PDB file of N, CA and C in Angstrom:
ATOM      1  N   MET A   1       0.834  -1.179   0.022  1.00  0.00           N
ATOM      2  CA  MET A   1       0.037   0.046   0.023  1.00  0.00           C
ATOM      3  C   MET A   1       0.865   1.192  -0.030  1.00  0.00           C
ATOM      4  N   GLY A   2       0.462   2.234  -0.787  1.00  0.00           N
ATOM      5  CA  GLY A   2       1.219   3.387  -0.839  1.00  0.00           C
ATOM      6  C   GLY A   2       0.282   4.641  -0.805  1.00  0.00           C
ATOM      7  N   PHE A   3       0.856   5.797  -0.852  1.00  0.00           N
ATOM      8  CA  PHE A   3       0.059   7.034  -0.817  1.00  0.00           C
ATOM      9  C   PHE A   3      -0.917   7.073  -2.015  1.00  0.00           C
ATOM     10  N   SER A   4      -0.576   6.592  -3.179  1.00  0.00           N
ATOM     11  CA  SER A   4      -1.404   6.692  -4.330  1.00  0.00           C
ATOM     12  C   SER A   4      -2.698   5.880  -4.245  1.00  0.00           C
ATOM     13  N   ASN A   5      -2.594   4.705  -3.500  1.00  0.00           N
ATOM     14  CA  ASN A   5      -3.787   3.889  -3.422  1.00  0.00           C
ATOM     15  C   ASN A   5      -4.353   3.737  -2.140  1.00  0.00           C
ATOM     16  N   VAL A   6      -4.060   4.585  -1.146  1.00  0.00           N
ATOM     17  CA  VAL A   6      -4.563   4.530   0.201  1.00  0.00           C
ATOM     18  C   VAL A   6      -6.053   4.612   0.285  1.00  0.00           C
ATOM     19  N   ASN A   7      -6.670   5.416  -0.616  1.00  0.00           N
ATOM     20  CA  ASN A   7      -8.096   5.659  -0.512  1.00  0.00           C
ATOM     21  C   ASN A   7      -8.855   4.446  -1.190  1.00  0.00           C
ATOM     22  N   ASP A   8      -8.207   3.475  -1.773  1.00  0.00           N
ATOM     23  CA  ASP A   8      -8.802   2.270  -2.326  1.00  0.00           C
ATOM     24  C   ASP A   8      -9.116   1.246  -1.228  1.00  0.00           C
ATOM     25  N   PHE A   9      -8.644   1.474  -0.033  1.00  0.00           N
ATOM     26  CA  PHE A   9      -8.878   0.556   1.071  1.00  0.00           C
ATOM     27  C   PHE A   9      -9.571   1.229   2.119  1.00  0.00           C
ATOM     28  N   PRO A  10     -10.786   0.867   2.538  1.00  0.00           N
ATOM     29  CA  PRO A  10     -11.502   1.524   3.653  1.00  0.00           C
ATOM     30  C   PRO A  10     -10.801   1.182   4.960  1.00  0.00           C
ATOM     31  N   PRO A  11     -10.575   2.102   5.853  1.00  0.00           N
ATOM     32  CA  PRO A  11      -9.930   1.799   7.157  1.00  0.00           C
ATOM     33  C   PRO A  11     -10.859   1.026   8.072  1.00  0.00           C
ATOM     34  N   SER A  12     -10.240   0.107   8.899  1.00  0.00           N
ATOM     35  CA  SER A  12     -10.980  -0.602   9.860  1.00  0.00           C
ATOM     36  C   SER A  12     -11.361   0.389  11.029  1.00  0.00           C
ATOM     37  N   ASP A  13     -10.583   1.328  11.214  1.00  0.00           N
ATOM     38  CA  ASP A  13     -10.870   2.284  12.280  1.00  0.00           C
ATOM     39  C   ASP A  13     -10.054   3.544  11.947  1.00  0.00           C
ATOM     40  N   THR A  14     -10.550   4.717  12.405  1.00  0.00           N
ATOM     41  CA  THR A  14      -9.851   5.976  12.281  1.00  0.00           C
ATOM     42  C   THR A  14      -9.728   6.643  13.610  1.00  0.00           C
ATOM     43  N   VAL A  15      -8.507   7.099  13.942  1.00  0.00           N
ATOM     44  CA  VAL A  15      -8.275   7.741  15.239  1.00  0.00           C
ATOM     45  C   VAL A  15      -7.758   9.092  15.001  1.00  0.00           C
ATOM     46  N   VAL A  16      -8.210  10.078  15.797  1.00  0.00           N
ATOM     47  CA  VAL A  16      -7.582  11.370  15.817  1.00  0.00           C
ATOM     48  C   VAL A  16      -6.948  11.515  17.152  1.00  0.00           C
ATOM     49  N   LEU A  17      -5.577  11.621  17.158  1.00  0.00           N
ATOM     50  CA  LEU A  17      -4.837  11.751  18.404  1.00  0.00           C
ATOM     51  C   LEU A  17      -4.948  13.145  19.077  1.00  0.00           C
ATOM     52  N   SER A  18      -5.111  13.096  20.365  1.00  0.00           N
ATOM     53  CA  SER A  18      -5.177  14.340  21.159  1.00  0.00           C
ATOM     54  C   SER A  18      -3.707  14.607  21.613  1.00  0.00           C
ATOM     55  N   PRO A  19      -3.434  15.819  22.106  1.00  0.00           N
ATOM     56  CA  PRO A  19      -2.106  16.097  22.696  1.00  0.00           C
ATOM     57  C   PRO A  19      -1.752  15.053  23.830  1.00  0.00           C
ATOM     58  N   ASP A  20      -2.732  14.636  24.623  1.00  0.00           N
ATOM     59  CA  ASP A  20      -2.454  13.603  25.627  1.00  0.00           C
ATOM     60  C   ASP A  20      -2.036  12.292  24.984  1.00  0.00           C
ATOM     61  N   ASN A  21      -2.694  11.863  23.923  1.00  0.00           N
ATOM     62  CA  ASN A  21      -2.249  10.690  23.248  1.00  0.00           C
ATOM     63  C   ASN A  21      -0.771  10.766  22.729  1.00  0.00           C
ATOM     64  N   ILE A  22      -0.476  11.895  22.190  1.00  0.00           N
ATOM     65  CA  ILE A  22       0.900  12.086  21.736  1.00  0.00           C
ATOM     66  C   ILE A  22       1.957  11.991  22.922  1.00  0.00           C
ATOM     67  N   LYS A  23       1.481  12.335  24.136  1.00  0.00           N
ATOM     68  CA  LYS A  23       2.389  12.323  25.315  1.00  0.00           C
ATOM     69  C   LYS A  23       2.369  10.921  25.923  1.00  0.00           C
ATOM     70  N   GLY A  24       1.498   9.992  25.337  1.00  0.00           N
ATOM     71  CA  GLY A  24       1.567   8.538  25.844  1.00  0.00           C
ATOM     72  C   GLY A  24       0.280   7.996  26.371  1.00  0.00           C
ATOM     73  N   LYS A  25      -0.780   8.777  26.397  1.00  0.00           N
ATOM     74  CA  LYS A  25      -2.046   8.257  26.866  1.00  0.00           C
ATOM     75  C   LYS A  25      -2.589   7.298  25.845  1.00  0.00           C
ATOM     76  N   PRO A  26      -2.913   6.115  26.221  1.00  0.00           N
ATOM     77  CA  PRO A  26      -3.322   5.060  25.315  1.00  0.00           C
ATOM     78  C   PRO A  26      -4.605   5.389  24.565  1.00  0.00           C
ATOM     79  N   VAL A  27      -4.717   4.860  23.319  1.00  0.00           N
ATOM     80  CA  VAL A  27      -5.874   5.024  22.513  1.00  0.00           C
ATOM     81  C   VAL A  27      -6.556   3.605  22.586  1.00  0.00           C
ATOM     82  N   LEU A  28      -7.836   3.555  23.147  1.00  0.00           N
ATOM     83  CA  LEU A  28      -8.466   2.361  23.251  1.00  0.00           C
ATOM     84  C   LEU A  28      -9.260   1.998  21.977  1.00  0.00           C
ATOM     85  N   LEU A  29      -9.060   0.810  21.480  1.00  0.00           N
ATOM     86  CA  LEU A  29      -9.728   0.471  20.256  1.00  0.00           C
ATOM     87  C   LEU A  29     -10.846  -0.560  20.556  1.00  0.00           C
ATOM     88  N   LYS A  30     -11.812  -0.609  19.676  1.00  0.00           N
ATOM     89  CA  LYS A  30     -12.979  -1.565  19.784  1.00  0.00           C
ATOM     90  C   LYS A  30     -12.470  -2.957  19.469  1.00  0.00           C
ATOM     91  N   TYR A  31     -12.617  -3.838  20.380  1.00  0.00           N
ATOM     92  CA  TYR A  31     -12.244  -5.248  20.151  1.00  0.00           C
ATOM     93  C   TYR A  31     -12.723  -5.895  18.900  1.00  0.00           C
ATOM     94  N   VAL A  32     -14.072  -5.711  18.714  1.00  0.00           N
ATOM     95  CA  VAL A  32     -14.751  -6.274  17.516  1.00  0.00           C
ATOM     96  C   VAL A  32     -14.114  -5.889  16.155  1.00  0.00           C
ATOM     97  N   LYS A  33     -13.534  -4.736  16.135  1.00  0.00           N
ATOM     98  CA  LYS A  33     -12.881  -4.336  14.863  1.00  0.00           C
ATOM     99  C   LYS A  33     -11.582  -4.969  14.560  1.00  0.00           C
ATOM    100  N   PHE A  34     -10.959  -5.529  15.629  1.00  0.00           N
ATOM    101  CA  PHE A  34      -9.567  -6.049  15.472  1.00  0.00           C
ATOM    102  C   PHE A  34      -9.334  -7.479  16.008  1.00  0.00           C
ATOM    103  N   GLN A  35     -10.537  -8.138  16.113  1.00  0.00           N
ATOM    104  CA  GLN A  35     -10.419  -9.531  16.738  1.00  0.00           C
ATOM    105  C   GLN A  35      -9.800 -10.570  15.775  1.00  0.00           C
ATOM    106  N   ASN A  36      -9.724 -10.283  14.485  1.00  0.00           N
ATOM    107  CA  ASN A  36      -9.103 -11.260  13.538  1.00  0.00           C
ATOM    108  C   ASN A  36      -7.938 -10.658  12.820  1.00  0.00           C
ATOM    109  N   VAL A  37      -7.197  -9.723  13.356  1.00  0.00           N
ATOM    110  CA  VAL A  37      -6.086  -9.087  12.677  1.00  0.00           C
ATOM    111  C   VAL A  37      -4.911 -10.041  12.533  1.00  0.00           C
ATOM    112  N   ARG A  38      -4.483 -10.074  11.296  1.00  0.00           N
ATOM    113  CA  ARG A  38      -3.216 -10.832  11.000  1.00  0.00           C
ATOM    114  C   ARG A  38      -2.082  -9.901  10.550  1.00  0.00           C
ATOM    115  N   SER A  39      -2.449  -8.682  10.126  1.00  0.00           N
ATOM    116  CA  SER A  39      -1.405  -7.704   9.771  1.00  0.00           C
ATOM    117  C   SER A  39      -2.028  -6.330  10.051  1.00  0.00           C
ATOM    118  N   LEU A  40      -1.208  -5.308  10.121  1.00  0.00           N
ATOM    119  CA  LEU A  40      -1.618  -3.950  10.494  1.00  0.00           C
ATOM    120  C   LEU A  40      -0.876  -2.957   9.606  1.00  0.00           C
ATOM    121  N   THR A  41      -1.636  -2.067   9.015  1.00  0.00           N
ATOM    122  CA  THR A  41      -1.039  -0.991   8.225  1.00  0.00           C
ATOM    123  C   THR A  41      -1.542   0.283   8.866  1.00  0.00           C
ATOM    124  N   ILE A  42      -0.633   1.170   9.214  1.00  0.00           N
ATOM    125  CA  ILE A  42      -0.965   2.463   9.816  1.00  0.00           C
ATOM    126  C   ILE A  42      -0.654   3.569   8.880  1.00  0.00           C
ATOM    127  N   PHE A  43      -1.652   4.388   8.579  1.00  0.00           N
ATOM    128  CA  PHE A  43      -1.552   5.492   7.665  1.00  0.00           C
ATOM    129  C   PHE A  43      -1.757   6.774   8.450  1.00  0.00           C
ATOM    130  N   ILE A  44      -0.699   7.605   8.458  1.00  0.00           N
ATOM    131  CA  ILE A  44      -0.718   8.890   9.162  1.00  0.00           C
ATOM    132  C   ILE A  44      -1.042   9.963   8.125  1.00  0.00           C
ATOM    133  N   GLU A  45      -2.281  10.445   8.264  1.00  0.00           N
ATOM    134  CA  GLU A  45      -2.735  11.451   7.186  1.00  0.00           C
ATOM    135  C   GLU A  45      -2.228  12.811   7.408  1.00  0.00           C
ATOM    136  N   ASP A  46      -2.313  13.263   8.605  1.00  0.00           N
ATOM    137  CA  ASP A  46      -1.986  14.633   8.978  1.00  0.00           C
ATOM    138  C   ASP A  46      -1.037  14.770  10.146  1.00  0.00           C
ATOM    139  N   ASN A  47      -0.335  15.839  10.251  1.00  0.00           N
ATOM    140  CA  ASN A  47       0.539  16.033  11.430  1.00  0.00           C
ATOM    141  C   ASN A  47      -0.183  16.904  12.482  1.00  0.00           C
ATOM    142  N   GLN A  48       0.238  16.813  13.701  1.00  0.00           N
ATOM    143  CA  GLN A  48      -0.369  17.576  14.787  1.00  0.00           C
ATOM    144  C   GLN A  48      -0.207  19.056  14.493  1.00  0.00           C
ATOM    145  N   SER A  49       0.970  19.460  13.967  1.00  0.00           N
ATOM    146  CA  SER A  49       1.193  20.872  13.726  1.00  0.00           C
ATOM    147  C   SER A  49       0.913  21.379  12.354  1.00  0.00           C
ATOM    148  N   GLY A  50       0.535  20.428  11.523  1.00  0.00           N
ATOM    149  CA  GLY A  50       0.241  20.801  10.096  1.00  0.00           C
ATOM    150  C   GLY A  50       1.460  20.907   9.287  1.00  0.00           C
ATOM    151  N   SER A  51       2.649  20.509   9.859  1.00  0.00           N
ATOM    152  CA  SER A  51       3.894  20.595   9.041  1.00  0.00           C
ATOM    153  C   SER A  51       3.954  19.434   7.936  1.00  0.00           C
ATOM    154  N   ASP A  52       4.896  19.572   7.090  1.00  0.00           N
ATOM    155  CA  ASP A  52       5.078  18.606   6.001  1.00  0.00           C
ATOM    156  C   ASP A  52       5.774  17.363   6.435  1.00  0.00           C
ATOM    157  N   ILE A  53       6.446  17.371   7.553  1.00  0.00           N
ATOM    158  CA  ILE A  53       7.280  16.178   7.996  1.00  0.00           C
ATOM    159  C   ILE A  53       6.609  15.553   9.203  1.00  0.00           C
ATOM    160  N   THR A  54       6.503  14.215   9.109  1.00  0.00           N
ATOM    161  CA  THR A  54       6.032  13.399  10.222  1.00  0.00           C
ATOM    162  C   THR A  54       7.150  12.701  10.883  1.00  0.00           C
ATOM    163  N   LYS A  55       7.295  12.810  12.214  1.00  0.00           N
ATOM    164  CA  LYS A  55       8.283  12.081  12.947  1.00  0.00           C
ATOM    165  C   LYS A  55       7.644  11.171  13.968  1.00  0.00           C
ATOM    166  N   VAL A  56       7.717   9.892  13.761  1.00  0.00           N
ATOM    167  CA  VAL A  56       7.089   8.911  14.684  1.00  0.00           C
ATOM    168  C   VAL A  56       8.292   8.298  15.488  1.00  0.00           C
ATOM    169  N   GLN A  57       8.253   8.542  16.790  1.00  0.00           N
ATOM    170  CA  GLN A  57       9.311   7.922  17.662  1.00  0.00           C
ATOM    171  C   GLN A  57       8.979   6.513  18.163  1.00  0.00           C
ATOM    172  N   LYS A  58       7.605   6.299  18.418  1.00  0.00           N
ATOM    173  CA  LYS A  58       7.229   5.093  19.023  1.00  0.00           C
ATOM    174  C   LYS A  58       5.815   4.767  18.754  1.00  0.00           C
ATOM    175  N   ILE A  59       5.514   3.492  18.388  1.00  0.00           N
ATOM    176  CA  ILE A  59       4.181   3.017  18.390  1.00  0.00           C
ATOM    177  C   ILE A  59       4.176   1.767  19.182  1.00  0.00           C
ATOM    178  N   ALA A  60       3.334   1.632  20.196  1.00  0.00           N
ATOM    179  CA  ALA A  60       3.349   0.481  21.077  1.00  0.00           C
ATOM    180  C   ALA A  60       1.918  -0.086  21.023  1.00  0.00           C
ATOM    181  N   LEU A  61       1.910  -1.351  20.654  1.00  0.00           N
ATOM    182  CA  LEU A  61       0.581  -2.040  20.551  1.00  0.00           C
ATOM    183  C   LEU A  61       0.487  -3.142  21.679  1.00  0.00           C
ATOM    184  N   PHE A  62      -0.635  -3.054  22.312  1.00  0.00           N
ATOM    185  CA  PHE A  62      -0.869  -3.984  23.453  1.00  0.00           C
ATOM    186  C   PHE A  62      -2.110  -4.804  23.086  1.00  0.00           C
ATOM    187  N   GLY A  63      -2.022  -6.105  23.289  1.00  0.00           N
ATOM    188  CA  GLY A  63      -3.172  -6.942  23.069  1.00  0.00           C
ATOM    189  C   GLY A  63      -2.893  -8.355  23.466  1.00  0.00           C
ATOM    190  N   SER A  64      -3.746  -9.263  23.187  1.00  0.00           N
ATOM    191  CA  SER A  64      -3.605 -10.633  23.565  1.00  0.00           C
ATOM    192  C   SER A  64      -4.058 -11.509  22.450  1.00  0.00           C
ATOM    193  N   THR A  65      -3.629 -12.747  22.458  1.00  0.00           N
ATOM    194  CA  THR A  65      -4.123 -13.701  21.411  1.00  0.00           C
ATOM    195  C   THR A  65      -5.558 -14.152  21.741  1.00  0.00           C
ATOM    196  N   VAL A  66      -6.235 -14.673  20.843  1.00  0.00           N
ATOM    197  CA  VAL A  66      -7.582 -15.028  21.082  1.00  0.00           C
ATOM    198  C   VAL A  66      -7.618 -16.220  22.146  1.00  0.00           C
ATOM    199  N   GLU A  67      -6.587 -17.089  22.098  1.00  0.00           N
ATOM    200  CA  GLU A  67      -6.587 -18.254  23.084  1.00  0.00           C
ATOM    201  C   GLU A  67      -6.523 -17.739  24.469  1.00  0.00           C
ATOM    202  N   THR A  68      -5.906 -16.587  24.725  1.00  0.00           N
ATOM    203  CA  THR A  68      -5.706 -16.135  26.139  1.00  0.00           C
ATOM    204  C   THR A  68      -6.728 -14.961  26.488  1.00  0.00           C
ATOM    205  N   THR A  69      -7.655 -14.673  25.592  1.00  0.00           N
ATOM    206  CA  THR A  69      -8.674 -13.581  25.844  1.00  0.00           C
ATOM    207  C   THR A  69      -9.752 -14.097  26.778  1.00  0.00           C
ATOM    208  N   ASP A  70      -9.994 -13.366  27.799  1.00  0.00           N
ATOM    209  CA  ASP A  70     -11.079 -13.592  28.690  1.00  0.00           C
ATOM    210  C   ASP A  70     -12.298 -12.765  28.231  1.00  0.00           C
ATOM    211  N   MET A  71     -13.222 -13.334  27.496  1.00  0.00           N
ATOM    212  CA  MET A  71     -14.267 -12.637  26.926  1.00  0.00           C
ATOM    213  C   MET A  71     -15.155 -11.881  27.943  1.00  0.00           C
ATOM    214  N   LYS A  72     -15.326 -12.515  29.081  1.00  0.00           N
ATOM    215  CA  LYS A  72     -16.189 -11.871  30.128  1.00  0.00           C
ATOM    216  C   LYS A  72     -15.409 -10.638  30.705  1.00  0.00           C
ATOM    217  N   GLY A  73     -14.084 -10.638  30.790  1.00  0.00           N
ATOM    218  CA  GLY A  73     -13.333  -9.527  31.236  1.00  0.00           C
ATOM    219  C   GLY A  73     -13.431  -8.344  30.198  1.00  0.00           C
ATOM    220  N   LEU A  74     -13.482  -8.693  28.944  1.00  0.00           N
ATOM    221  CA  LEU A  74     -13.569  -7.629  27.887  1.00  0.00           C
ATOM    222  C   LEU A  74     -14.901  -6.918  27.980  1.00  0.00           C
ATOM    223  N   LYS A  75     -15.931  -7.726  28.204  1.00  0.00           N
ATOM    224  CA  LYS A  75     -17.274  -7.151  28.321  1.00  0.00           C
ATOM    225  C   LYS A  75     -17.318  -6.144  29.516  1.00  0.00           C
ATOM    226  N   LYS A  76     -16.715  -6.468  30.591  1.00  0.00           N
ATOM    227  CA  LYS A  76     -16.718  -5.572  31.786  1.00  0.00           C
ATOM    228  C   LYS A  76     -15.986  -4.320  31.442  1.00  0.00           C
ATOM    229  N   ILE A  77     -14.838  -4.398  30.723  1.00  0.00           N
ATOM    230  CA  ILE A  77     -14.123  -3.215  30.375  1.00  0.00           C
ATOM    231  C   ILE A  77     -14.879  -2.299  29.501  1.00  0.00           C
ATOM    232  N   GLU A  78     -15.626  -2.900  28.543  1.00  0.00           N
ATOM    233  CA  GLU A  78     -16.395  -2.006  27.582  1.00  0.00           C
ATOM    234  C   GLU A  78     -17.619  -1.403  28.394  1.00  0.00           C
ATOM    235  N   ASP A  79     -18.118  -2.101  29.375  1.00  0.00           N
ATOM    236  CA  ASP A  79     -19.251  -1.476  30.115  1.00  0.00           C
ATOM    237  C   ASP A  79     -18.782  -0.304  30.930  1.00  0.00           C
ATOM    238  N   HIS A  80     -17.550  -0.302  31.388  1.00  0.00           N
ATOM    239  CA  HIS A  80     -17.023   0.783  32.206  1.00  0.00           C
ATOM    240  C   HIS A  80     -16.751   2.039  31.319  1.00  0.00           C
ATOM    241  N   GLN A  81     -16.602   1.850  30.043  1.00  0.00           N
ATOM    242  CA  GLN A  81     -16.169   2.973  29.217  1.00  0.00           C
ATOM    243  C   GLN A  81     -17.388   3.826  28.765  1.00  0.00           C
ATOM    244  N   HIS A  82     -18.531   3.276  28.884  1.00  0.00           N
ATOM    245  CA  HIS A  82     -19.777   4.026  28.371  1.00  0.00           C
ATOM    246  C   HIS A  82     -20.268   4.889  29.450  1.00  0.00           C
TER     247      HIS A  82
END
């Protein structure tokens, strides 16, 4: 995937990062959108400051395999977020 064909693929999710996210606050994603992920492509469309250069120092992904996922625990977490 490149810049020329990025619009040919609809995103599974879109996230707008806040200044707190940039400083390390986690972005919580919906489990149902990512439960069968085998690969991940991240497209950064715009910069925080609107500049032409994007500098990514770190992307940390946290998750668990389906075999070790406690579905009841996930439901409880989602309930607390609403």
